[in-house]
PDB file of N, CA and C in Angstrom:
ATOM      1  N   MET A   1      33.131  -9.483 -41.313  1.00  0.00           N
ATOM      2  CA  MET A   1      34.114 -10.403 -40.762  1.00  0.00           C
ATOM      3  C   MET A   1      34.090 -10.264 -39.242  1.00  0.00           C
ATOM      4  N   ASN A   2      33.926 -11.390 -38.544  1.00  0.00           N
ATOM      5  CA  ASN A   2      33.900 -11.338 -37.083  1.00  0.00           C
ATOM      6  C   ASN A   2      35.272 -11.706 -36.510  1.00  0.00           C
ATOM      7  N   ASP A   3      35.370 -11.653 -35.189  1.00  0.00           N
ATOM      8  CA  ASP A   3      36.658 -11.909 -34.519  1.00  0.00           C
ATOM      9  C   ASP A   3      37.172 -13.324 -34.755  1.00  0.00           C
ATOM     10  N   LEU A   4      36.269 -14.297 -34.834  1.00  0.00           N
ATOM     11  CA  LEU A   4      36.676 -15.685 -35.033  1.00  0.00           C
ATOM     12  C   LEU A   4      37.318 -15.872 -36.413  1.00  0.00           C
ATOM     13  N   ASP A   5      36.723 -15.253 -37.438  1.00  0.00           N
ATOM     14  CA  ASP A   5      37.289 -15.346 -38.780  1.00  0.00           C
ATOM     15  C   ASP A   5      38.652 -14.655 -38.840  1.00  0.00           C
ATOM     16  N   LEU A   6      38.760 -13.507 -38.180  1.00  0.00           N
ATOM     17  CA  LEU A   6      40.026 -12.772 -38.173  1.00  0.00           C
ATOM     18  C   LEU A   6      41.117 -13.581 -37.476  1.00  0.00           C
ATOM     19  N   GLU A   7      40.737 -14.254 -36.398  1.00  0.00           N
ATOM     20  CA  GLU A   7      41.708 -15.079 -35.665  1.00  0.00           C
ATOM     21  C   GLU A   7      42.177 -16.258 -36.527  1.00  0.00           C
ATOM     22  N   ARG A   8      41.260 -16.899 -37.226  1.00  0.00           N
ATOM     23  CA  ARG A   8      41.626 -18.024 -38.099  1.00  0.00           C
ATOM     24  C   ARG A   8      42.532 -17.553 -39.240  1.00  0.00           C
ATOM     25  N   GLU A   9      42.203 -16.411 -39.812  1.00  0.00           N
ATOM     26  CA  GLU A   9      43.011 -15.882 -40.909  1.00  0.00           C
ATOM     27  C   GLU A   9      44.419 -15.521 -40.430  1.00  0.00           C
ATOM     28  N   THR A  10      44.510 -14.974 -39.207  1.00  0.00           N
ATOM     29  CA  THR A  10      45.815 -14.635 -38.647  1.00  0.00           C
ATOM     30  C   THR A  10      46.644 -15.892 -38.418  1.00  0.00           C
ATOM     31  N   GLU A  11      46.018 -16.938 -37.885  1.00  0.00           N
ATOM     32  CA  GLU A  11      46.730 -18.197 -37.666  1.00  0.00           C
ATOM     33  C   GLU A  11      47.215 -18.790 -38.989  1.00  0.00           C
ATOM     34  N   LEU A  12      46.382 -18.736 -40.011  1.00  0.00           N
ATOM     35  CA  LEU A  12      46.785 -19.252 -41.323  1.00  0.00           C
ATOM     36  C   LEU A  12      47.955 -18.446 -41.879  1.00  0.00           C
ATOM     37  N   TRP A  13      47.913 -17.131 -41.749  1.00  0.00           N
ATOM     38  CA  TRP A  13      48.993 -16.290 -42.264  1.00  0.00           C
ATOM     39  C   TRP A  13      50.308 -16.608 -41.570  1.00  0.00           C
ATOM     40  N   PHE A  14      50.273 -16.730 -40.196  1.00  0.00           N
ATOM     41  CA  PHE A  14      51.501 -17.063 -39.466  1.00  0.00           C
ATOM     42  C   PHE A  14      52.012 -18.449 -39.858  1.00  0.00           C
ATOM     43  N   GLY A  15      51.114 -19.369 -40.098  1.00  0.00           N
ATOM     44  CA  GLY A  15      51.525 -20.705 -40.528  1.00  0.00           C
ATOM     45  C   GLY A  15      52.238 -20.661 -41.876  1.00  0.00           C
ATOM     46  N   ARG A  16      51.658 -19.905 -42.819  1.00  0.00           N
ATOM     47  CA  ARG A  16      52.290 -19.790 -44.138  1.00  0.00           C
ATOM     48  C   ARG A  16      53.628 -19.067 -44.047  1.00  0.00           C
ATOM     49  N   ALA A  17      53.695 -18.021 -43.223  1.00  0.00           N
ATOM     50  CA  ALA A  17      54.947 -17.275 -43.065  1.00  0.00           C
ATOM     51  C   ALA A  17      56.024 -18.171 -42.460  1.00  0.00           C
ATOM     52  N   GLY A  18      55.669 -18.987 -41.487  1.00  0.00           N
ATOM     53  CA  GLY A  18      56.632 -19.907 -40.875  1.00  0.00           C
ATOM     54  C   GLY A  18      57.156 -20.921 -41.871  1.00  0.00           C
ATOM     55  N   GLU A  19      56.259 -21.440 -42.692  1.00  0.00           N
ATOM     56  CA  GLU A  19      56.684 -22.403 -43.722  1.00  0.00           C
ATOM     57  C   GLU A  19      57.639 -21.742 -44.715  1.00  0.00           C
ATOM     58  N   ALA A  20      57.325 -20.507 -45.093  1.00  0.00           N
ATOM     59  CA  ALA A  20      58.189 -19.809 -46.052  1.00  0.00           C
ATOM     60  C   ALA A  20      59.568 -19.564 -45.454  1.00  0.00           C
ATOM     61  N   LEU A  21      59.624 -19.202 -44.187  1.00  0.00           N
ATOM     62  CA  LEU A  21      60.922 -18.977 -43.536  1.00  0.00           C
ATOM     63  C   LEU A  21      61.727 -20.270 -43.437  1.00  0.00           C
ATOM     64  N   ARG A  22      61.066 -21.372 -43.103  1.00  0.00           N
ATOM     65  CA  ARG A  22      61.776 -22.643 -43.007  1.00  0.00           C
ATOM     66  C   ARG A  22      62.306 -23.085 -44.381  1.00  0.00           C
ATOM     67  N   GLU A  23      61.521 -22.853 -45.423  1.00  0.00           N
ATOM     68  CA  GLU A  23      61.983 -23.197 -46.772  1.00  0.00           C
ATOM     69  C   GLU A  23      63.174 -22.325 -47.183  1.00  0.00           C
ATOM     70  N   SER A  24      63.112 -21.031 -46.848  1.00  0.00           N
ATOM     71  CA  SER A  24      64.221 -20.144 -47.227  1.00  0.00           C
ATOM     72  C   SER A  24      65.473 -20.471 -46.422  1.00  0.00           C
ATOM     73  N   GLU A  25      65.300 -21.015 -45.232  1.00  0.00           N
ATOM     74  CA  GLU A  25      66.460 -21.406 -44.424  1.00  0.00           C
ATOM     75  C   GLU A  25      67.206 -22.557 -45.095  1.00  0.00           C
ATOM     76  N   GLN A  26      66.471 -23.422 -45.735  1.00  0.00           N
ATOM     77  CA  GLN A  26      67.088 -24.558 -46.424  1.00  0.00           C
ATOM     78  C   GLN A  26      67.973 -24.096 -47.602  1.00  0.00           C
ATOM     79  N   GLN A  27      67.683 -22.913 -48.131  1.00  0.00           N
ATOM     80  CA  GLN A  27      68.394 -22.425 -49.307  1.00  0.00           C
ATOM     81  C   GLN A  27      69.590 -21.536 -48.946  1.00  0.00           C
ATOM     82  N   LEU A  28      69.820 -21.277 -47.646  1.00  0.00           N
ATOM     83  CA  LEU A  28      70.939 -20.413 -47.246  1.00  0.00           C
ATOM     84  C   LEU A  28      72.258 -21.170 -47.372  1.00  0.00           C
ATOM     85  N   ASP A  29      73.317 -20.432 -47.684  1.00  0.00           N
ATOM     86  CA  ASP A  29      74.633 -21.066 -47.777  1.00  0.00           C
ATOM     87  C   ASP A  29      75.228 -21.255 -46.376  1.00  0.00           C
ATOM     88  N   ALA A  30      76.290 -22.011 -46.281  1.00  0.00           N
ATOM     89  CA  ALA A  30      76.899 -22.381 -44.999  1.00  0.00           C
ATOM     90  C   ALA A  30      77.458 -21.168 -44.259  1.00  0.00           C
ATOM     91  N   VAL A  31      78.050 -20.220 -44.976  1.00  0.00           N
ATOM     92  CA  VAL A  31      78.642 -19.040 -44.329  1.00  0.00           C
ATOM     93  C   VAL A  31      77.551 -18.204 -43.658  1.00  0.00           C
ATOM     94  N   THR A  32      76.440 -17.998 -44.335  1.00  0.00           N
ATOM     95  CA  THR A  32      75.332 -17.212 -43.762  1.00  0.00           C
ATOM     96  C   THR A  32      74.748 -17.925 -42.555  1.00  0.00           C
ATOM     97  N   LEU A  33      74.593 -19.238 -42.633  1.00  0.00           N
ATOM     98  CA  LEU A  33      74.076 -20.010 -41.491  1.00  0.00           C
ATOM     99  C   LEU A  33      75.001 -19.889 -40.282  1.00  0.00           C
ATOM    100  N   MET A  34      76.314 -19.947 -40.517  1.00  0.00           N
ATOM    101  CA  MET A  34      77.266 -19.813 -39.407  1.00  0.00           C
ATOM    102  C   MET A  34      77.163 -18.418 -38.791  1.00  0.00           C
ATOM    103  N   ARG A  35      77.045 -17.375 -39.636  1.00  0.00           N
ATOM    104  CA  ARG A  35      76.922 -16.013 -39.113  1.00  0.00           C
ATOM    105  C   ARG A  35      75.634 -15.860 -38.303  1.00  0.00           C
ATOM    106  N   LEU A  36      74.533 -16.412 -38.800  1.00  0.00           N
ATOM    107  CA  LEU A  36      73.256 -16.332 -38.072  1.00  0.00           C
ATOM    108  C   LEU A  36      73.343 -17.058 -36.725  1.00  0.00           C
ATOM    109  N   ARG A  37      73.989 -18.217 -36.708  1.00  0.00           N
ATOM    110  CA  ARG A  37      74.143 -18.963 -35.446  1.00  0.00           C
ATOM    111  C   ARG A  37      75.018 -18.191 -34.458  1.00  0.00           C
ATOM    112  N   ALA A  38      76.072 -17.530 -34.953  1.00  0.00           N
ATOM    113  CA  ALA A  38      76.940 -16.731 -34.079  1.00  0.00           C
ATOM    114  C   ALA A  38      76.188 -15.533 -33.513  1.00  0.00           C
ATOM    115  N   ILE A  39      75.377 -14.881 -34.360  1.00  0.00           N
ATOM    116  CA  ILE A  39      74.578 -13.736 -33.893  1.00  0.00           C
ATOM    117  C   ILE A  39      73.571 -14.196 -32.853  1.00  0.00           C
ATOM    118  N   ARG A  40      72.961 -15.354 -33.086  1.00  0.00           N
ATOM    119  CA  ARG A  40      71.980 -15.893 -32.125  1.00  0.00           C
ATOM    120  C   ARG A  40      72.656 -16.223 -30.795  1.00  0.00           C
ATOM    121  N   ALA A  41      73.828 -16.848 -30.857  1.00  0.00           N
ATOM    122  CA  ALA A  41      74.551 -17.210 -29.634  1.00  0.00           C
ATOM    123  C   ALA A  41      74.943 -15.954 -28.855  1.00  0.00           C
ATOM    124  N   ARG A  42      75.393 -14.903 -29.561  1.00  0.00           N
ATOM    125  CA  ARG A  42      75.768 -13.659 -28.900  1.00  0.00           C
ATOM    126  C   ARG A  42      74.552 -13.007 -28.242  1.00  0.00           C
ATOM    127  N   ALA A  43      73.424 -13.030 -28.938  1.00  0.00           N
ATOM    128  CA  ALA A  43      72.199 -12.438 -28.382  1.00  0.00           C
ATOM    129  C   ALA A  43      71.743 -13.197 -27.137  1.00  0.00           C
ATOM    130  N   LEU A  44      71.845 -14.518 -27.170  1.00  0.00           N
ATOM    131  CA  LEU A  44      71.468 -15.316 -25.995  1.00  0.00           C
ATOM    132  C   LEU A  44      72.415 -15.070 -24.825  1.00  0.00           C
ATOM    133  N   ALA A  45      73.706 -14.921 -25.119  1.00  0.00           N
ATOM    134  CA  ALA A  45      74.688 -14.673 -24.053  1.00  0.00           C
ATOM    135  C   ALA A  45      74.445 -13.314 -23.402  1.00  0.00           C
ATOM    136  N   GLU A  46      74.062 -12.326 -24.196  1.00  0.00           N
ATOM    137  CA  GLU A  46      73.778 -11.007 -23.644  1.00  0.00           C
ATOM    138  C   GLU A  46      72.464 -10.992 -22.873  1.00  0.00           C
ATOM    139  N   ALA A  47      71.543 -11.851 -23.220  1.00  0.00           N
ATOM    140  CA  ALA A  47      70.246 -11.900 -22.550  1.00  0.00           C
ATOM    141  C   ALA A  47      70.342 -12.577 -21.191  1.00  0.00           C
ATOM    142  N   ARG A  48      71.297 -13.470 -20.988  1.00  0.00           N
ATOM    143  CA  ARG A  48      71.418 -14.180 -19.712  1.00  0.00           C
ATOM    144  C   ARG A  48      71.690 -13.250 -18.538  1.00  0.00           C
ATOM    145  N   PRO A  49      72.622 -12.301 -18.639  1.00  0.00           N
ATOM    146  CA  PRO A  49      72.824 -11.404 -17.500  1.00  0.00           C
ATOM    147  C   PRO A  49      71.587 -10.578 -17.168  1.00  0.00           C
ATOM    148  N   VAL A  50      70.801 -10.219 -18.181  1.00  0.00           N
ATOM    149  CA  VAL A  50      69.571  -9.472 -17.920  1.00  0.00           C
ATOM    150  C   VAL A  50      68.614 -10.337 -17.102  1.00  0.00           C
ATOM    151  N   ALA A  51      68.515 -11.603 -17.459  1.00  0.00           N
ATOM    152  CA  ALA A  51      67.648 -12.507 -16.707  1.00  0.00           C
ATOM    153  C   ALA A  51      68.170 -12.685 -15.284  1.00  0.00           C
ATOM    154  N   ALA A  52      69.484 -12.773 -15.136  1.00  0.00           N
ATOM    155  CA  ALA A  52      70.063 -12.921 -13.798  1.00  0.00           C
ATOM    156  C   ALA A  52      69.809 -11.659 -12.965  1.00  0.00           C
ATOM    157  N   ARG A  53      69.952 -10.469 -13.605  1.00  0.00           N
ATOM    158  CA  ARG A  53      69.672  -9.229 -12.868  1.00  0.00           C
ATOM    159  C   ARG A  53      68.206  -9.155 -12.476  1.00  0.00           C
ATOM    160  N   HIS A  54      67.344  -9.628 -13.363  1.00  0.00           N
ATOM    161  CA  HIS A  54      65.915  -9.619 -13.062  1.00  0.00           C
ATOM    162  C   HIS A  54      65.619 -10.513 -11.857  1.00  0.00           C
ATOM    163  N   ALA A  55      66.242 -11.675 -11.811  1.00  0.00           N
ATOM    164  CA  ALA A  55      66.056 -12.575 -10.673  1.00  0.00           C
ATOM    165  C   ALA A  55      66.643 -11.968  -9.406  1.00  0.00           C
ATOM    166  N   ALA A  56      67.781 -11.284  -9.527  1.00  0.00           N
ATOM    167  CA  ALA A  56      68.404 -10.663  -8.357  1.00  0.00           C
ATOM    168  C   ALA A  56      67.545  -9.536  -7.816  1.00  0.00           C
ATOM    169  N   ASN A  57      66.793  -8.868  -8.688  1.00  0.00           N
ATOM    170  CA  ASN A  57      65.903  -7.805  -8.220  1.00  0.00           C
ATOM    171  C   ASN A  57      64.816  -8.348  -7.301  1.00  0.00           C
ATOM    172  N   TRP A  58      64.438  -9.591  -7.505  1.00  0.00           N
ATOM    173  CA  TRP A  58      63.400 -10.190  -6.660  1.00  0.00           C
ATOM    174  C   TRP A  58      63.975 -10.898  -5.437  1.00  0.00           C
ATOM    175  N   ALA A  59      65.258 -11.182  -5.427  1.00  0.00           N
ATOM    176  CA  ALA A  59      65.843 -11.958  -4.333  1.00  0.00           C
ATOM    177  C   ALA A  59      65.780 -11.202  -3.008  1.00  0.00           C
ATOM    178  N   VAL A  60      66.115  -9.929  -3.010  1.00  0.00           N
ATOM    179  CA  VAL A  60      66.130  -9.157  -1.760  1.00  0.00           C
ATOM    180  C   VAL A  60      64.722  -8.996  -1.190  1.00  0.00           C
ATOM    181  N   PRO A  61      63.721  -8.577  -1.975  1.00  0.00           N
ATOM    182  CA  PRO A  61      62.381  -8.478  -1.398  1.00  0.00           C
ATOM    183  C   PRO A  61      61.828  -9.821  -0.923  1.00  0.00           C
ATOM    184  N   LEU A  62      62.130 -10.891  -1.661  1.00  0.00           N
ATOM    185  CA  LEU A  62      61.646 -12.202  -1.226  1.00  0.00           C
ATOM    186  C   LEU A  62      62.313 -12.642   0.073  1.00  0.00           C
ATOM    187  N   ALA A  63      63.606 -12.374   0.198  1.00  0.00           N
ATOM    188  CA  ALA A  63      64.300 -12.722   1.445  1.00  0.00           C
ATOM    189  C   ALA A  63      63.750 -11.892   2.600  1.00  0.00           C
ATOM    190  N   ALA A  64      63.465 -10.615   2.352  1.00  0.00           N
ATOM    191  CA  ALA A  64      62.895  -9.767   3.404  1.00  0.00           C
ATOM    192  C   ALA A  64      61.513 -10.261   3.810  1.00  0.00           C
ATOM    193  N   ALA A  65      60.704 -10.646   2.834  1.00  0.00           N
ATOM    194  CA  ALA A  65      59.371 -11.164   3.149  1.00  0.00           C
ATOM    195  C   ALA A  65      59.456 -12.469   3.940  1.00  0.00           C
ATOM    196  N   ALA A  66      60.391 -13.337   3.562  1.00  0.00           N
ATOM    197  CA  ALA A  66      60.557 -14.598   4.301  1.00  0.00           C
ATOM    198  C   ALA A  66      61.027 -14.329   5.723  1.00  0.00           C
ATOM    199  N   GLY A  67      61.929 -13.369   5.888  1.00  0.00           N
ATOM    200  CA  GLY A  67      62.388 -13.015   7.237  1.00  0.00           C
ATOM    201  C   GLY A  67      61.269 -12.449   8.089  1.00  0.00           C
ATOM    202  N   LEU A  68      60.453 -11.570   7.508  1.00  0.00           N
ATOM    203  CA  LEU A  68      59.318 -11.018   8.261  1.00  0.00           C
ATOM    204  C   LEU A  68      58.314 -12.093   8.636  1.00  0.00           C
ATOM    205  N   ALA A  69      58.048 -13.005   7.708  1.00  0.00           N
ATOM    206  CA  ALA A  69      57.111 -14.083   8.016  1.00  0.00           C
ATOM    207  C   ALA A  69      57.652 -14.973   9.129  1.00  0.00           C
ATOM    208  N   THR A  70      58.928 -15.265   9.087  1.00  0.00           N
ATOM    209  CA  THR A  70      59.539 -16.075  10.148  1.00  0.00           C
ATOM    210  C   THR A  70      59.484 -15.344  11.478  1.00  0.00           C
ATOM    211  N   TRP A  71      59.810 -14.056  11.448  1.00  0.00           N
ATOM    212  CA  TRP A  71      59.780 -13.260  12.681  1.00  0.00           C
ATOM    213  C   TRP A  71      58.373 -13.209  13.261  1.00  0.00           C
ATOM    214  N   ALA A  72      57.364 -13.105  12.406  1.00  0.00           N
ATOM    215  CA  ALA A  72      55.981 -13.004  12.882  1.00  0.00           C
ATOM    216  C   ALA A  72      55.459 -14.345  13.378  1.00  0.00           C
ATOM    217  N   LEU A  73      55.874 -15.433  12.749  1.00  0.00           N
ATOM    218  CA  LEU A  73      55.325 -16.743  13.101  1.00  0.00           C
ATOM    219  C   LEU A  73      56.155 -17.501  14.122  1.00  0.00           C
ATOM    220  N   LEU A  74      57.398 -17.112  14.335  1.00  0.00           N
ATOM    221  CA  LEU A  74      58.281 -17.865  15.223  1.00  0.00           C
ATOM    222  C   LEU A  74      57.738 -17.979  16.644  1.00  0.00           C
ATOM    223  N   PRO A  75      57.222 -16.913  17.260  1.00  0.00           N
ATOM    224  CA  PRO A  75      56.690 -17.098  18.624  1.00  0.00           C
ATOM    225  C   PRO A  75      55.557 -18.114  18.680  1.00  0.00           C
ATOM    226  N   ARG A  76      54.741 -18.147  17.650  1.00  0.00           N
ATOM    227  CA  ARG A  76      53.637 -19.113  17.650  1.00  0.00           C
ATOM    228  C   ARG A  76      54.142 -20.536  17.439  1.00  0.00           C
ATOM    229  N   LEU A  77      55.213 -20.678  16.669  1.00  0.00           N
ATOM    230  CA  LEU A  77      55.748 -22.002  16.396  1.00  0.00           C
ATOM    231  C   LEU A  77      56.561 -22.549  17.558  1.00  0.00           C
ATOM    232  N   MET A  78      57.112 -21.667  18.385  1.00  0.00           N
ATOM    233  CA  MET A  78      57.988 -22.096  19.471  1.00  0.00           C
ATOM    234  C   MET A  78      57.208 -22.557  20.704  1.00  0.00           C
ATOM    235  N   VAL A  79      55.937 -22.231  20.803  1.00  0.00           N
ATOM    236  CA  VAL A  79      55.144 -22.603  21.969  1.00  0.00           C
ATOM    237  C   VAL A  79      54.726 -24.058  21.819  1.00  0.00           C
ATOM    238  N   ALA A  80      55.160 -24.858  22.762  1.00  0.00           N
ATOM    239  CA  ALA A  80      54.795 -26.266  22.743  1.00  0.00           C
ATOM    240  C   ALA A  80      53.458 -26.427  23.456  1.00  0.00           C
ATOM    241  N   PRO A  81      52.505 -27.033  22.806  1.00  0.00           N
ATOM    242  CA  PRO A  81      51.210 -27.204  23.462  1.00  0.00           C
ATOM    243  C   PRO A  81      51.324 -28.214  24.594  1.00  0.00           C
ATOM    244  N   GLY A  82      50.896 -27.813  25.744  1.00  0.00           N
ATOM    245  CA  GLY A  82      50.929 -28.688  26.901  1.00  0.00           C
ATOM    246  C   GLY A  82      49.585 -29.358  27.090  1.00  0.00           C
ATOM    247  N   PRO A  83      49.526 -30.292  27.999  1.00  0.00           N
ATOM    248  CA  PRO A  83      48.242 -30.941  28.247  1.00  0.00           C
ATOM    249  C   PRO A  83      47.268 -29.949  28.872  1.00  0.00           C
ATOM    250  N   VAL A  84      46.068 -30.018  28.411  1.00  0.00           N
ATOM    251  CA  VAL A  84      45.025 -29.140  28.925  1.00  0.00           C
ATOM    252  C   VAL A  84      44.293 -29.897  30.015  1.00  0.00           C
ATOM    253  N   ALA A  85      44.215 -29.274  31.181  1.00  0.00           N
ATOM    254  CA  ALA A  85      43.541 -29.922  32.311  1.00  0.00           C
ATOM    255  C   ALA A  85      42.044 -29.719  32.182  1.00  0.00           C
ATOM    256  N   GLY A  86      41.354 -30.795  32.066  1.00  0.00           N
ATOM    257  CA  GLY A  86      39.898 -30.728  32.000  1.00  0.00           C
ATOM    258  C   GLY A  86      39.317 -30.797  33.404  1.00  0.00           C
ATOM    259  N   PRO A  87      38.027 -30.683  33.517  1.00  0.00           N
ATOM    260  CA  PRO A  87      37.400 -30.705  34.841  1.00  0.00           C
ATOM    261  C   PRO A  87      37.636 -32.006  35.597  1.00  0.00           C
ATOM    262  N   ALA A  88      37.796 -33.126  34.878  1.00  0.00           N
ATOM    263  CA  ALA A  88      38.000 -34.403  35.558  1.00  0.00           C
ATOM    264  C   ALA A  88      39.444 -34.558  36.025  1.00  0.00           C
ATOM    265  N   GLU A  89      40.380 -33.811  35.428  1.00  0.00           N
ATOM    266  CA  GLU A  89      41.783 -33.972  35.766  1.00  0.00           C
ATOM    267  C   GLU A  89      42.236 -33.071  36.913  1.00  0.00           C
ATOM    268  N   VAL A  90      41.475 -32.079  37.249  1.00  0.00           N
ATOM    269  CA  VAL A  90      41.865 -31.138  38.296  1.00  0.00           C
ATOM    270  C   VAL A  90      41.601 -31.784  39.652  1.00  0.00           C
ATOM    271  N   ALA A  91      42.617 -31.734  40.489  1.00  0.00           N
ATOM    272  CA  ALA A  91      42.438 -32.300  41.830  1.00  0.00           C
ATOM    273  C   ALA A  91      41.543 -31.371  42.627  1.00  0.00           C
ATOM    274  N   SER A  92      40.459 -31.904  43.082  1.00  0.00           N
ATOM    275  CA  SER A  92      39.517 -31.060  43.821  1.00  0.00           C
ATOM    276  C   SER A  92      39.675 -31.312  45.318  1.00  0.00           C
ATOM    277  N   VAL A  93      39.713 -30.233  46.044  1.00  0.00           N
ATOM    278  CA  VAL A  93      39.791 -30.304  47.505  1.00  0.00           C
ATOM    279  C   VAL A  93      38.593 -29.543  48.029  1.00  0.00           C
ATOM    280  N   ASP A  94      37.722 -30.233  48.687  1.00  0.00           N
ATOM    281  CA  ASP A  94      36.573 -29.523  49.243  1.00  0.00           C
ATOM    282  C   ASP A  94      36.674 -29.493  50.761  1.00  0.00           C
ATOM    283  N   ALA A  95      35.772 -28.833  51.355  1.00  0.00           N
ATOM    284  CA  ALA A  95      35.816 -28.597  52.809  1.00  0.00           C
ATOM    285  C   ALA A  95      35.776 -29.903  53.591  1.00  0.00           C
ATOM    286  N   LEU A  96      35.025 -30.891  53.126  1.00  0.00           N
ATOM    287  CA  LEU A  96      34.934 -32.157  53.848  1.00  0.00           C
ATOM    288  C   LEU A  96      36.289 -32.854  53.906  1.00  0.00           C
ATOM    289  N   ASP A  97      37.050 -32.796  52.805  1.00  0.00           N
ATOM    290  CA  ASP A  97      38.385 -33.395  52.802  1.00  0.00           C
ATOM    291  C   ASP A  97      39.289 -32.706  53.821  1.00  0.00           C
ATOM    292  N   LEU A  98      39.201 -31.395  53.915  1.00  0.00           N
ATOM    293  CA  LEU A  98      40.040 -30.663  54.871  1.00  0.00           C
ATOM    294  C   LEU A  98      39.657 -30.976  56.321  1.00  0.00           C
ATOM    295  N   MET A  99      38.381 -31.127  56.574  1.00  0.00           N
ATOM    296  CA  MET A  99      37.933 -31.371  57.959  1.00  0.00           C
ATOM    297  C   MET A  99      38.258 -32.791  58.417  1.00  0.00           C
ATOM    298  N   THR A 100      38.211 -33.738  57.512  1.00  0.00           N
ATOM    299  CA  THR A 100      38.430 -35.125  57.904  1.00  0.00           C
ATOM    300  C   THR A 100      39.875 -35.562  57.751  1.00  0.00           C
ATOM    301  N   ASP A 101      40.751 -34.695  57.279  1.00  0.00           N
ATOM    302  CA  ASP A 101      42.161 -35.033  57.124  1.00  0.00           C
ATOM    303  C   ASP A 101      42.783 -35.250  58.505  1.00  0.00           C
ATOM    304  N   GLU A 102      43.806 -36.077  58.573  1.00  0.00           N
ATOM    305  CA  GLU A 102      44.444 -36.372  59.855  1.00  0.00           C
ATOM    306  C   GLU A 102      45.128 -35.148  60.459  1.00  0.00           C
ATOM    307  N   HIS A 103      45.566 -34.186  59.619  1.00  0.00           N
ATOM    308  CA  HIS A 103      46.239 -33.003  60.147  1.00  0.00           C
ATOM    309  C   HIS A 103      45.263 -31.947  60.654  1.00  0.00           C
ATOM    310  N   GLY A 104      44.045 -31.955  60.127  1.00  0.00           N
ATOM    311  CA  GLY A 104      43.053 -30.985  60.557  1.00  0.00           C
ATOM    312  C   GLY A 104      43.182 -29.658  59.821  1.00  0.00           C
ATOM    313  N   PRO A 105      42.212 -28.806  59.952  1.00  0.00           N
ATOM    314  CA  PRO A 105      42.187 -27.540  59.218  1.00  0.00           C
ATOM    315  C   PRO A 105      43.266 -26.561  59.687  1.00  0.00           C
ATOM    316  N   ASP A 106      43.704 -26.651  60.943  1.00  0.00           N
ATOM    317  CA  ASP A 106      44.723 -25.719  61.435  1.00  0.00           C
ATOM    318  C   ASP A 106      46.053 -25.916  60.706  1.00  0.00           C
ATOM    319  N   PHE A 107      46.349 -27.159  60.367  1.00  0.00           N
ATOM    320  CA  PHE A 107      47.593 -27.437  59.658  1.00  0.00           C
ATOM    321  C   PHE A 107      47.619 -26.711  58.311  1.00  0.00           C
ATOM    322  N   TYR A 108      46.531 -26.764  57.576  1.00  0.00           N
ATOM    323  CA  TYR A 108      46.479 -26.125  56.266  1.00  0.00           C
ATOM    324  C   TYR A 108      46.429 -24.608  56.377  1.00  0.00           C
ATOM    325  N   ARG A 109      45.838 -24.079  57.437  1.00  0.00           N
ATOM    326  CA  ARG A 109      45.790 -22.638  57.632  1.00  0.00           C
ATOM    327  C   ARG A 109      47.192 -22.093  57.889  1.00  0.00           C
ATOM    328  N   ASP A 110      48.015 -22.831  58.605  1.00  0.00           N
ATOM    329  CA  ASP A 110      49.367 -22.375  58.957  1.00  0.00           C
ATOM    330  C   ASP A 110      50.445 -23.083  58.123  1.00  0.00           C
ATOM    331  N   LEU A 111      50.124 -23.453  56.935  1.00  0.00           N
ATOM    332  CA  LEU A 111      51.045 -24.207  56.100  1.00  0.00           C
ATOM    333  C   LEU A 111      52.305 -23.407  55.786  1.00  0.00           C
ATOM    334  N   GLU A 112      52.178 -22.108  55.564  1.00  0.00           N
ATOM    335  CA  GLU A 112      53.363 -21.279  55.305  1.00  0.00           C
ATOM    336  C   GLU A 112      54.301 -21.285  56.511  1.00  0.00           C
ATOM    337  N   PHE A 113      53.730 -21.243  57.707  1.00  0.00           N
ATOM    338  CA  PHE A 113      54.543 -21.241  58.915  1.00  0.00           C
ATOM    339  C   PHE A 113      55.335 -22.542  59.042  1.00  0.00           C
ATOM    340  N   TYR A 114      54.677 -23.660  58.763  1.00  0.00           N
ATOM    341  CA  TYR A 114      55.365 -24.946  58.853  1.00  0.00           C
ATOM    342  C   TYR A 114      56.471 -25.073  57.797  1.00  0.00           C
ATOM    343  N   ALA A 115      56.231 -24.518  56.594  1.00  0.00           N
ATOM    344  CA  ALA A 115      57.266 -24.518  55.557  1.00  0.00           C
ATOM    345  C   ALA A 115      58.449 -23.669  55.999  1.00  0.00           C
ATOM    346  N   TRP A 116      58.167 -22.536  56.664  1.00  0.00           N
ATOM    347  CA  TRP A 116      59.245 -21.665  57.160  1.00  0.00           C
ATOM    348  C   TRP A 116      60.049 -22.385  58.231  1.00  0.00           C
ATOM    349  N   LEU A 117      59.364 -23.084  59.142  1.00  0.00           N
ATOM    350  CA  LEU A 117      60.056 -23.838  60.184  1.00  0.00           C
ATOM    351  C   LEU A 117      60.930 -24.920  59.583  1.00  0.00           C
ATOM    352  N   GLN A 118      60.432 -25.606  58.588  1.00  0.00           N
ATOM    353  CA  GLN A 118      61.207 -26.675  57.969  1.00  0.00           C
ATOM    354  C   GLN A 118      62.447 -26.098  57.284  1.00  0.00           C
ATOM    355  N   ALA A 119      62.301 -25.003  56.575  1.00  0.00           N
ATOM    356  CA  ALA A 119      63.446 -24.376  55.905  1.00  0.00           C
ATOM    357  C   ALA A 119      64.459 -23.895  56.936  1.00  0.00           C
ATOM    358  N   ARG A 120      64.014 -23.378  58.055  1.00  0.00           N
ATOM    359  CA  ARG A 120      64.922 -22.875  59.095  1.00  0.00           C
ATOM    360  C   ARG A 120      65.639 -24.026  59.789  1.00  0.00           C
ATOM    361  N   GLY A 121      64.931 -25.137  59.939  1.00  0.00           N
ATOM    362  CA  GLY A 121      65.547 -26.291  60.576  1.00  0.00           C
ATOM    363  C   GLY A 121      66.642 -26.888  59.710  1.00  0.00           C
ATOM    364  N   GLU A 122      66.553 -26.784  58.390  1.00  0.00           N
ATOM    365  CA  GLU A 122      67.586 -27.306  57.509  1.00  0.00           C
ATOM    366  C   GLU A 122      68.840 -26.444  57.569  1.00  0.00           C
ATOM    367  N   HIS A 123      68.680 -25.119  57.803  1.00  0.00           N
ATOM    368  CA  HIS A 123      69.815 -24.208  57.817  1.00  0.00           C
ATOM    369  C   HIS A 123      70.422 -24.050  59.212  1.00  0.00           C
ATOM    370  N   ALA A 124      69.747 -24.517  60.216  1.00  0.00           N
ATOM    371  CA  ALA A 124      70.244 -24.315  61.584  1.00  0.00           C
ATOM    372  C   ALA A 124      71.216 -25.373  62.008  1.00  0.00           C
TER     373      ALA A 124
END
């Protein structure tokens, strides 16, 4: 006998056993049926708190994992991507522009001094 035959025989046995139980249920009196239903209801009521406790056991670790994931990912999510300046977008200033400007190269060399003078003139 191989595993396939054993599996088929087991399925047939469970099928016959189920049919026998259903037939015997039809022959039970009303008082026994009521007692069985009450026992079943009591067993289900007692099983619910166990299921709730089981779910509560997972609630704390899951909340902790969600908090850690949020803490780890929040800095990455909060950074707003700005425009990236490519080579064509960067304002280029070369030496020829500085030499031919109306202010001349001395103006740009002493730019900090002129900014200081302007700030002092506003406060004076």
